[in-house]
Amino acid sequence: MANIKSAKKRILTAQRNYERNVAFKSSIKTAVKKVVVLAQAKEKDQEAIKSALSQAYKLCDKAVSKGILHKNTASRKKSRLTKAINKLMA
């Protein structure tokens, strides 16, 4: 355990940031799963899929702006998601 006050503060800050980042990444995964489930459904609602896809894109872009994801990682996630949706919709 750290003895210096600033080091103790950094430990608390790092823990808080870690928890926030994990929660945000989890919300991205949930949004991606929602899109895939909608695309796999027998009754495909185009508007619902587009809306969910837009939300997933928005979360990825927000994560990049907050420094949670690297821009290439977000781009890769969006690309793979789009590719998967196009494959399911065909």
PDB file of N, CA and C in Angstrom:
ATOM      1  N   MET A   1       0.847  -1.184   0.000  1.00  0.00           N
ATOM      2  CA  MET A   1       0.000   0.000   0.000  1.00  0.00           C
ATOM      3  C   MET A   1       0.883   1.234   0.000  1.00  0.00           C
ATOM      4  N   ALA A   2       0.417   2.244  -0.706  1.00  0.00           N
ATOM      5  CA  ALA A   2       1.181   3.486  -0.817  1.00  0.00           C
ATOM      6  C   ALA A   2       1.158   4.257   0.501  1.00  0.00           C
ATOM      7  N   ASN A   3       2.264   4.937   0.775  1.00  0.00           N
ATOM      8  CA  ASN A   3       2.363   5.750   1.986  1.00  0.00           C
ATOM      9  C   ASN A   3       2.196   7.239   1.687  1.00  0.00           C
ATOM     10  N   ILE A   4       2.508   7.626   0.454  1.00  0.00           N
ATOM     11  CA  ILE A   4       2.468   9.037   0.083  1.00  0.00           C
ATOM     12  C   ILE A   4       1.034   9.411  -0.296  1.00  0.00           C
ATOM     13  N   LYS A   5       0.625  10.601   0.147  1.00  0.00           N
ATOM     14  CA  LYS A   5      -0.757  11.043  -0.056  1.00  0.00           C
ATOM     15  C   LYS A   5      -1.137  11.074  -1.543  1.00  0.00           C
ATOM     16  N   SER A   6      -0.258  11.588  -2.387  1.00  0.00           N
ATOM     17  CA  SER A   6      -0.573  11.680  -3.814  1.00  0.00           C
ATOM     18  C   SER A   6      -0.694  10.292  -4.446  1.00  0.00           C
ATOM     19  N   ALA A   7       0.104   9.344  -3.960  1.00  0.00           N
ATOM     20  CA  ALA A   7       0.031   7.978  -4.480  1.00  0.00           C
ATOM     21  C   ALA A   7      -1.295   7.333  -4.074  1.00  0.00           C
ATOM     22  N   LYS A   8      -1.747   7.613  -2.859  1.00  0.00           N
ATOM     23  CA  LYS A   8      -3.047   7.099  -2.408  1.00  0.00           C
ATOM     24  C   LYS A   8      -4.166   7.669  -3.274  1.00  0.00           C
ATOM     25  N   LYS A   9      -4.057   8.949  -3.597  1.00  0.00           N
ATOM     26  CA  LYS A   9      -5.063   9.590  -4.445  1.00  0.00           C
ATOM     27  C   LYS A   9      -5.076   8.948  -5.832  1.00  0.00           C
ATOM     28  N   ARG A  10      -3.881   8.681  -6.364  1.00  0.00           N
ATOM     29  CA  ARG A  10      -3.788   8.077  -7.688  1.00  0.00           C
ATOM     30  C   ARG A  10      -4.426   6.683  -7.706  1.00  0.00           C
ATOM     31  N   ILE A  11      -4.245   5.936  -6.629  1.00  0.00           N
ATOM     32  CA  ILE A  11      -4.851   4.605  -6.540  1.00  0.00           C
ATOM     33  C   ILE A  11      -6.376   4.724  -6.591  1.00  0.00           C
ATOM     34  N   LEU A  12      -6.927   5.671  -5.854  1.00  0.00           N
ATOM     35  CA  LEU A  12      -8.375   5.875  -5.848  1.00  0.00           C
ATOM     36  C   LEU A  12      -8.876   6.332  -7.216  1.00  0.00           C
ATOM     37  N   THR A  13      -8.135   7.252  -7.827  1.00  0.00           N
ATOM     38  CA  THR A  13      -8.515   7.758  -9.148  1.00  0.00           C
ATOM     39  C   THR A  13      -8.460   6.651 -10.187  1.00  0.00           C
ATOM     40  N   ALA A  14      -7.403   5.863 -10.148  1.00  0.00           N
ATOM     41  CA  ALA A  14      -7.245   4.778 -11.104  1.00  0.00           C
ATOM     42  C   ALA A  14      -8.377   3.762 -10.955  1.00  0.00           C
ATOM     43  N   GLN A  15      -8.754   3.455  -9.736  1.00  0.00           N
ATOM     44  CA  GLN A  15      -9.839   2.506  -9.490  1.00  0.00           C
ATOM     45  C   GLN A  15     -11.161   3.044 -10.019  1.00  0.00           C
ATOM     46  N   ARG A  16     -11.408   4.329  -9.774  1.00  0.00           N
ATOM     47  CA  ARG A  16     -12.644   4.949 -10.250  1.00  0.00           C
ATOM     48  C   ARG A  16     -12.701   4.929 -11.787  1.00  0.00           C
ATOM     49  N   ASN A  17     -11.592   5.280 -12.421  1.00  0.00           N
ATOM     50  CA  ASN A  17     -11.532   5.282 -13.885  1.00  0.00           C
ATOM     51  C   ASN A  17     -11.706   3.869 -14.445  1.00  0.00           C
ATOM     52  N   TYR A  18     -11.089   2.903 -13.784  1.00  0.00           N
ATOM     53  CA  TYR A  18     -11.202   1.507 -14.218  1.00  0.00           C
ATOM     54  C   TYR A  18     -12.659   1.059 -14.202  1.00  0.00           C
ATOM     55  N   GLU A  19     -13.357   1.356 -13.115  1.00  0.00           N
ATOM     56  CA  GLU A  19     -14.758   0.954 -13.001  1.00  0.00           C
ATOM     57  C   GLU A  19     -15.620   1.630 -14.057  1.00  0.00           C
ATOM     58  N   ARG A  20     -15.361   2.904 -14.324  1.00  0.00           N
ATOM     59  CA  ARG A  20     -16.111   3.631 -15.340  1.00  0.00           C
ATOM     60  C   ARG A  20     -15.841   3.032 -16.728  1.00  0.00           C
ATOM     61  N   ASN A  21     -14.575   2.735 -17.010  1.00  0.00           N
ATOM     62  CA  ASN A  21     -14.204   2.179 -18.309  1.00  0.00           C
ATOM     63  C   ASN A  21     -14.829   0.807 -18.527  1.00  0.00           C
ATOM     64  N   VAL A  22     -14.803  -0.022 -17.499  1.00  0.00           N
ATOM     65  CA  VAL A  22     -15.386  -1.360 -17.607  1.00  0.00           C
ATOM     66  C   VAL A  22     -16.885  -1.253 -17.869  1.00  0.00           C
ATOM     67  N   ALA A  23     -17.553  -0.344 -17.171  1.00  0.00           N
ATOM     68  CA  ALA A  23     -18.996  -0.168 -17.361  1.00  0.00           C
ATOM     69  C   ALA A  23     -19.294   0.314 -18.779  1.00  0.00           C
ATOM     70  N   PHE A  24     -18.483   1.216 -19.286  1.00  0.00           N
ATOM     71  CA  PHE A  24     -18.715   1.759 -20.625  1.00  0.00           C
ATOM     72  C   PHE A  24     -18.489   0.684 -21.680  1.00  0.00           C
ATOM     73  N   LYS A  25     -17.414  -0.104 -21.511  1.00  0.00           N
ATOM     74  CA  LYS A  25     -17.137  -1.186 -22.459  1.00  0.00           C
ATOM     75  C   LYS A  25     -18.258  -2.221 -22.431  1.00  0.00           C
ATOM     76  N   SER A  26     -18.798  -2.467 -21.253  1.00  0.00           N
ATOM     77  CA  SER A  26     -19.902  -3.407 -21.117  1.00  0.00           C
ATOM     78  C   SER A  26     -21.132  -2.901 -21.860  1.00  0.00           C
ATOM     79  N   SER A  27     -21.390  -1.598 -21.787  1.00  0.00           N
ATOM     80  CA  SER A  27     -22.549  -1.042 -22.494  1.00  0.00           C
ATOM     81  C   SER A  27     -22.370  -1.150 -24.008  1.00  0.00           C
ATOM     82  N   ILE A  28     -21.123  -1.042 -24.479  1.00  0.00           N
ATOM     83  CA  ILE A  28     -20.858  -1.210 -25.911  1.00  0.00           C
ATOM     84  C   ILE A  28     -21.156  -2.647 -26.323  1.00  0.00           C
ATOM     85  N   LYS A  29     -20.689  -3.607 -25.525  1.00  0.00           N
ATOM     86  CA  LYS A  29     -20.939  -5.018 -25.828  1.00  0.00           C
ATOM     87  C   LYS A  29     -22.436  -5.312 -25.857  1.00  0.00           C
ATOM     88  N   THR A  30     -23.171  -4.734 -24.916  1.00  0.00           N
ATOM     89  CA  THR A  30     -24.615  -4.935 -24.858  1.00  0.00           C
ATOM     90  C   THR A  30     -25.284  -4.368 -26.100  1.00  0.00           C
ATOM     91  N   ALA A  31     -24.865  -3.188 -26.525  1.00  0.00           N
ATOM     92  CA  ALA A  31     -25.443  -2.560 -27.721  1.00  0.00           C
ATOM     93  C   ALA A  31     -25.161  -3.403 -28.963  1.00  0.00           C
ATOM     94  N   VAL A  32     -23.949  -3.952 -29.052  1.00  0.00           N
ATOM     95  CA  VAL A  32     -23.585  -4.788 -30.198  1.00  0.00           C
ATOM     96  C   VAL A  32     -24.440  -6.059 -30.206  1.00  0.00           C
ATOM     97  N   LYS A  33     -24.614  -6.677 -29.040  1.00  0.00           N
ATOM     98  CA  LYS A  33     -25.429  -7.888 -28.952  1.00  0.00           C
ATOM     99  C   LYS A  33     -26.874  -7.600 -29.348  1.00  0.00           C
ATOM    100  N   LYS A  34     -27.374  -6.433 -28.951  1.00  0.00           N
ATOM    101  CA  LYS A  34     -28.745  -6.058 -29.276  1.00  0.00           C
ATOM    102  C   LYS A  34     -28.933  -5.972 -30.794  1.00  0.00           C
ATOM    103  N   VAL A  35     -27.957  -5.385 -31.470  1.00  0.00           N
ATOM    104  CA  VAL A  35     -28.028  -5.268 -32.931  1.00  0.00           C
ATOM    105  C   VAL A  35     -28.033  -6.657 -33.569  1.00  0.00           C
ATOM    106  N   VAL A  36     -27.158  -7.520 -33.109  1.00  0.00           N
ATOM    107  CA  VAL A  36     -27.051  -8.864 -33.680  1.00  0.00           C
ATOM    108  C   VAL A  36     -28.334  -9.658 -33.450  1.00  0.00           C
ATOM    109  N   VAL A  37     -28.901  -9.548 -32.256  1.00  0.00           N
ATOM    110  CA  VAL A  37     -30.144 -10.262 -31.954  1.00  0.00           C
ATOM    111  C   VAL A  37     -31.271  -9.768 -32.853  1.00  0.00           C
ATOM    112  N   LEU A  38     -31.360  -8.461 -33.056  1.00  0.00           N
ATOM    113  CA  LEU A  38     -32.387  -7.913 -33.939  1.00  0.00           C
ATOM    114  C   LEU A  38     -32.204  -8.401 -35.373  1.00  0.00           C
ATOM    115  N   ALA A  39     -30.960  -8.513 -35.806  1.00  0.00           N
ATOM    116  CA  ALA A  39     -30.684  -8.954 -37.177  1.00  0.00           C
ATOM    117  C   ALA A  39     -30.952 -10.446 -37.362  1.00  0.00           C
ATOM    118  N   GLN A  40     -30.808 -11.213 -36.290  1.00  0.00           N
ATOM    119  CA  GLN A  40     -31.028 -12.658 -36.373  1.00  0.00           C
ATOM    120  C   GLN A  40     -32.496 -13.041 -36.223  1.00  0.00           C
ATOM    121  N   ALA A  41     -33.326 -12.111 -35.778  1.00  0.00           N
ATOM    122  CA  ALA A  41     -34.743 -12.401 -35.565  1.00  0.00           C
ATOM    123  C   ALA A  41     -35.419 -12.768 -36.888  1.00  0.00           C
ATOM    124  N   LYS A  42     -36.473 -13.567 -36.785  1.00  0.00           N
ATOM    125  CA  LYS A  42     -37.195 -13.973 -37.996  1.00  0.00           C
ATOM    126  C   LYS A  42     -37.888 -12.779 -38.635  1.00  0.00           C
ATOM    127  N   GLU A  43     -38.516 -11.966 -37.806  1.00  0.00           N
ATOM    128  CA  GLU A  43     -39.172 -10.743 -38.287  1.00  0.00           C
ATOM    129  C   GLU A  43     -38.172  -9.606 -38.187  1.00  0.00           C
ATOM    130  N   LYS A  44     -37.542  -9.268 -39.298  1.00  0.00           N
ATOM    131  CA  LYS A  44     -36.505  -8.235 -39.289  1.00  0.00           C
ATOM    132  C   LYS A  44     -37.137  -6.853 -39.427  1.00  0.00           C
ATOM    133  N   ASP A  45     -36.989  -6.041 -38.384  1.00  0.00           N
ATOM    134  CA  ASP A  45     -37.485  -4.671 -38.407  1.00  0.00           C
ATOM    135  C   ASP A  45     -36.313  -3.761 -38.781  1.00  0.00           C
ATOM    136  N   GLN A  46     -36.314  -3.289 -40.010  1.00  0.00           N
ATOM    137  CA  GLN A  46     -35.191  -2.490 -40.531  1.00  0.00           C
ATOM    138  C   GLN A  46     -34.933  -1.245 -39.687  1.00  0.00           C
ATOM    139  N   GLU A  47     -36.002  -0.577 -39.291  1.00  0.00           N
ATOM    140  CA  GLU A  47     -35.849   0.664 -38.515  1.00  0.00           C
ATOM    141  C   GLU A  47     -35.223   0.384 -37.148  1.00  0.00           C
ATOM    142  N   ALA A  48     -35.646  -0.695 -36.509  1.00  0.00           N
ATOM    143  CA  ALA A  48     -35.096  -1.051 -35.198  1.00  0.00           C
ATOM    144  C   ALA A  48     -33.614  -1.408 -35.313  1.00  0.00           C
ATOM    145  N   ILE A  49     -33.270  -2.109 -36.378  1.00  0.00           N
ATOM    146  CA  ILE A  49     -31.867  -2.493 -36.588  1.00  0.00           C
ATOM    147  C   ILE A  49     -31.019  -1.254 -36.829  1.00  0.00           C
ATOM    148  N   LYS A  50     -31.512  -0.347 -37.678  1.00  0.00           N
ATOM    149  CA  LYS A  50     -30.759   0.886 -37.949  1.00  0.00           C
ATOM    150  C   LYS A  50     -30.598   1.722 -36.696  1.00  0.00           C
ATOM    151  N   SER A  51     -31.653   1.787 -35.902  1.00  0.00           N
ATOM    152  CA  SER A  51     -31.602   2.558 -34.657  1.00  0.00           C
ATOM    153  C   SER A  51     -30.583   1.957 -33.682  1.00  0.00           C
ATOM    154  N   ALA A  52     -30.611   0.634 -33.525  1.00  0.00           N
ATOM    155  CA  ALA A  52     -29.680  -0.043 -32.615  1.00  0.00           C
ATOM    156  C   ALA A  52     -28.247   0.072 -33.125  1.00  0.00           C
ATOM    157  N   LEU A  53     -28.081  -0.026 -34.440  1.00  0.00           N
ATOM    158  CA  LEU A  53     -26.743   0.107 -35.034  1.00  0.00           C
ATOM    159  C   LEU A  53     -26.204   1.512 -34.809  1.00  0.00           C
ATOM    160  N   SER A  54     -27.063   2.495 -34.971  1.00  0.00           N
ATOM    161  CA  SER A  54     -26.671   3.884 -34.736  1.00  0.00           C
ATOM    162  C   SER A  54     -26.243   4.093 -33.280  1.00  0.00           C
ATOM    163  N   GLN A  55     -26.978   3.478 -32.358  1.00  0.00           N
ATOM    164  CA  GLN A  55     -26.647   3.588 -30.931  1.00  0.00           C
ATOM    165  C   GLN A  55     -25.293   2.936 -30.639  1.00  0.00           C
ATOM    166  N   ALA A  56     -25.026   1.794 -31.255  1.00  0.00           N
ATOM    167  CA  ALA A  56     -23.745   1.111 -31.055  1.00  0.00           C
ATOM    168  C   ALA A  56     -22.601   1.967 -31.596  1.00  0.00           C
ATOM    169  N   TYR A  57     -22.805   2.563 -32.775  1.00  0.00           N
ATOM    170  CA  TYR A  57     -21.794   3.463 -33.350  1.00  0.00           C
ATOM    171  C   TYR A  57     -21.547   4.641 -32.426  1.00  0.00           C
ATOM    172  N   LYS A  58     -22.617   5.194 -31.911  1.00  0.00           N
ATOM    173  CA  LYS A  58     -22.524   6.366 -31.039  1.00  0.00           C
ATOM    174  C   LYS A  58     -21.706   6.042 -29.786  1.00  0.00           C
ATOM    175  N   LEU A  59     -21.969   4.883 -29.195  1.00  0.00           N
ATOM    176  CA  LEU A  59     -21.226   4.483 -27.998  1.00  0.00           C
ATOM    177  C   LEU A  59     -19.742   4.276 -28.303  1.00  0.00           C
ATOM    178  N   CYS A  60     -19.444   3.670 -29.446  1.00  0.00           N
ATOM    179  CA  CYS A  60     -18.039   3.467 -29.832  1.00  0.00           C
ATOM    180  C   CYS A  60     -17.330   4.811 -30.007  1.00  0.00           C
ATOM    181  N   ASP A  61     -17.988   5.733 -30.699  1.00  0.00           N
ATOM    182  CA  ASP A  61     -17.385   7.045 -30.927  1.00  0.00           C
ATOM    183  C   ASP A  61     -17.207   7.822 -29.624  1.00  0.00           C
ATOM    184  N   LYS A  62     -18.170   7.678 -28.723  1.00  0.00           N
ATOM    185  CA  LYS A  62     -18.080   8.354 -27.433  1.00  0.00           C
ATOM    186  C   LYS A  62     -16.920   7.787 -26.611  1.00  0.00           C
ATOM    187  N   ALA A  63     -16.732   6.467 -26.692  1.00  0.00           N
ATOM    188  CA  ALA A  63     -15.632   5.822 -25.973  1.00  0.00           C
ATOM    189  C   ALA A  63     -14.290   6.334 -26.480  1.00  0.00           C
ATOM    190  N   VAL A  64     -14.187   6.574 -27.780  1.00  0.00           N
ATOM    191  CA  VAL A  64     -12.948   7.118 -28.351  1.00  0.00           C
ATOM    192  C   VAL A  64     -12.710   8.525 -27.829  1.00  0.00           C
ATOM    193  N   SER A  65     -13.758   9.332 -27.802  1.00  0.00           N
ATOM    194  CA  SER A  65     -13.595  10.722 -27.363  1.00  0.00           C
ATOM    195  C   SER A  65     -13.233  10.808 -25.882  1.00  0.00           C
ATOM    196  N   LYS A  66     -13.657   9.822 -25.092  1.00  0.00           N
ATOM    197  CA  LYS A  66     -13.341   9.810 -23.662  1.00  0.00           C
ATOM    198  C   LYS A  66     -12.025   9.091 -23.360  1.00  0.00           C
ATOM    199  N   GLY A  67     -11.421   8.503 -24.397  1.00  0.00           N
ATOM    200  CA  GLY A  67     -10.142   7.819 -24.193  1.00  0.00           C
ATOM    201  C   GLY A  67     -10.280   6.413 -23.666  1.00  0.00           C
ATOM    202  N   ILE A  68     -11.474   5.848 -23.755  1.00  0.00           N
ATOM    203  CA  ILE A  68     -11.696   4.493 -23.264  1.00  0.00           C
ATOM    204  C   ILE A  68     -11.253   3.468 -24.303  1.00  0.00           C
ATOM    205  N   LEU A  69     -11.524   3.761 -25.577  1.00  0.00           N
ATOM    206  CA  LEU A  69     -11.093   2.900 -26.674  1.00  0.00           C
ATOM    207  C   LEU A  69     -10.176   3.683 -27.602  1.00  0.00           C
ATOM    208  N   HIS A  70      -9.261   2.965 -28.232  1.00  0.00           N
ATOM    209  CA  HIS A  70      -8.422   3.576 -29.264  1.00  0.00           C
ATOM    210  C   HIS A  70      -9.278   3.734 -30.514  1.00  0.00           C
ATOM    211  N   LYS A  71      -8.985   4.727 -31.322  1.00  0.00           N
ATOM    212  CA  LYS A  71      -9.826   4.996 -32.497  1.00  0.00           C
ATOM    213  C   LYS A  71      -9.841   3.827 -33.470  1.00  0.00           C
ATOM    214  N   ASN A  72      -8.715   3.137 -33.620  1.00  0.00           N
ATOM    215  CA  ASN A  72      -8.681   1.989 -34.528  1.00  0.00           C
ATOM    216  C   ASN A  72      -9.501   0.825 -33.981  1.00  0.00           C
ATOM    217  N   THR A  73      -9.513   0.674 -32.671  1.00  0.00           N
ATOM    218  CA  THR A  73     -10.307  -0.384 -32.047  1.00  0.00           C
ATOM    219  C   THR A  73     -11.788  -0.138 -32.295  1.00  0.00           C
ATOM    220  N   ALA A  74     -12.219   1.098 -32.102  1.00  0.00           N
ATOM    221  CA  ALA A  74     -13.625   1.440 -32.333  1.00  0.00           C
ATOM    222  C   ALA A  74     -13.978   1.251 -33.799  1.00  0.00           C
ATOM    223  N   SER A  75     -13.080   1.662 -34.671  1.00  0.00           N
ATOM    224  CA  SER A  75     -13.309   1.514 -36.106  1.00  0.00           C
ATOM    225  C   SER A  75     -13.428   0.040 -36.479  1.00  0.00           C
ATOM    226  N   ARG A  76     -12.582  -0.789 -35.907  1.00  0.00           N
ATOM    227  CA  ARG A  76     -12.617  -2.228 -36.178  1.00  0.00           C
ATOM    228  C   ARG A  76     -13.930  -2.834 -35.680  1.00  0.00           C
ATOM    229  N   LYS A  77     -14.357  -2.442 -34.479  1.00  0.00           N
ATOM    230  CA  LYS A  77     -15.614  -2.953 -33.933  1.00  0.00           C
ATOM    231  C   LYS A  77     -16.794  -2.580 -34.827  1.00  0.00           C
ATOM    232  N   LYS A  78     -16.824  -1.332 -35.273  1.00  0.00           N
ATOM    233  CA  LYS A  78     -17.917  -0.869 -36.119  1.00  0.00           C
ATOM    234  C   LYS A  78     -17.895  -1.592 -37.460  1.00  0.00           C
ATOM    235  N   SER A  79     -16.715  -1.783 -38.007  1.00  0.00           N
ATOM    236  CA  SER A  79     -16.580  -2.455 -39.289  1.00  0.00           C
ATOM    237  C   SER A  79     -17.042  -3.903 -39.200  1.00  0.00           C
ATOM    238  N   ARG A  80     -16.615  -4.606 -38.174  1.00  0.00           N
ATOM    239  CA  ARG A  80     -16.993  -6.009 -38.008  1.00  0.00           C
ATOM    240  C   ARG A  80     -18.495  -6.148 -37.771  1.00  0.00           C
ATOM    241  N   LEU A  81     -19.049  -5.212 -37.012  1.00  0.00           N
ATOM    242  CA  LEU A  81     -20.482  -5.242 -36.748  1.00  0.00           C
ATOM    243  C   LEU A  81     -21.270  -5.032 -38.037  1.00  0.00           C
ATOM    244  N   THR A  82     -20.862  -4.058 -38.825  1.00  0.00           N
ATOM    245  CA  THR A  82     -21.534  -3.776 -40.089  1.00  0.00           C
ATOM    246  C   THR A  82     -21.440  -4.970 -41.028  1.00  0.00           C
ATOM    247  N   LYS A  83     -20.268  -5.568 -41.089  1.00  0.00           N
ATOM    248  CA  LYS A  83     -20.061  -6.736 -41.947  1.00  0.00           C
ATOM    249  C   LYS A  83     -20.952  -7.887 -41.519  1.00  0.00           C
ATOM    250  N   ALA A  84     -21.056  -8.107 -40.214  1.00  0.00           N
ATOM    251  CA  ALA A  84     -21.893  -9.187 -39.694  1.00  0.00           C
ATOM    252  C   ALA A  84     -23.368  -8.922 -39.977  1.00  0.00           C
ATOM    253  N   ILE A  85     -23.799  -7.691 -39.817  1.00  0.00           N
ATOM    254  CA  ILE A  85     -25.204  -7.343 -40.054  1.00  0.00           C
ATOM    255  C   ILE A  85     -25.538  -7.516 -41.540  1.00  0.00           C
ATOM    256  N   ASN A  86     -24.658  -7.062 -42.396  1.00  0.00           N
ATOM    257  CA  ASN A  86     -24.891  -7.218 -43.836  1.00  0.00           C
ATOM    258  C   ASN A  86     -24.994  -8.694 -44.223  1.00  0.00           C
ATOM    259  N   LYS A  87     -24.182  -9.523 -43.587  1.00  0.00           N
ATOM    260  CA  LYS A  87     -24.206 -10.954 -43.868  1.00  0.00           C
ATOM    261  C   LYS A  87     -25.523 -11.562 -43.394  1.00  0.00           C
ATOM    262  N   LEU A  88     -25.993 -11.149 -42.220  1.00  0.00           N
ATOM    263  CA  LEU A  88     -27.247 -11.678 -41.686  1.00  0.00           C
ATOM    264  C   LEU A  88     -28.460 -11.199 -42.473  1.00  0.00           C
ATOM    265  N   MET A  89     -28.367 -10.011 -43.004  1.00  0.00           N
ATOM    266  CA  MET A  89     -29.502  -9.420 -43.728  1.00  0.00           C
ATOM    267  C   MET A  89     -29.602  -9.954 -45.161  1.00  0.00           C
ATOM    268  N   ALA A  90     -28.529 -10.513 -45.679  1.00  0.00           N
ATOM    269  CA  ALA A  90     -28.529 -10.981 -47.078  1.00  0.00           C
ATOM    270  C   ALA A  90     -29.315 -12.265 -47.250  1.00  0.00           C
TER     271      ALA A  90
END
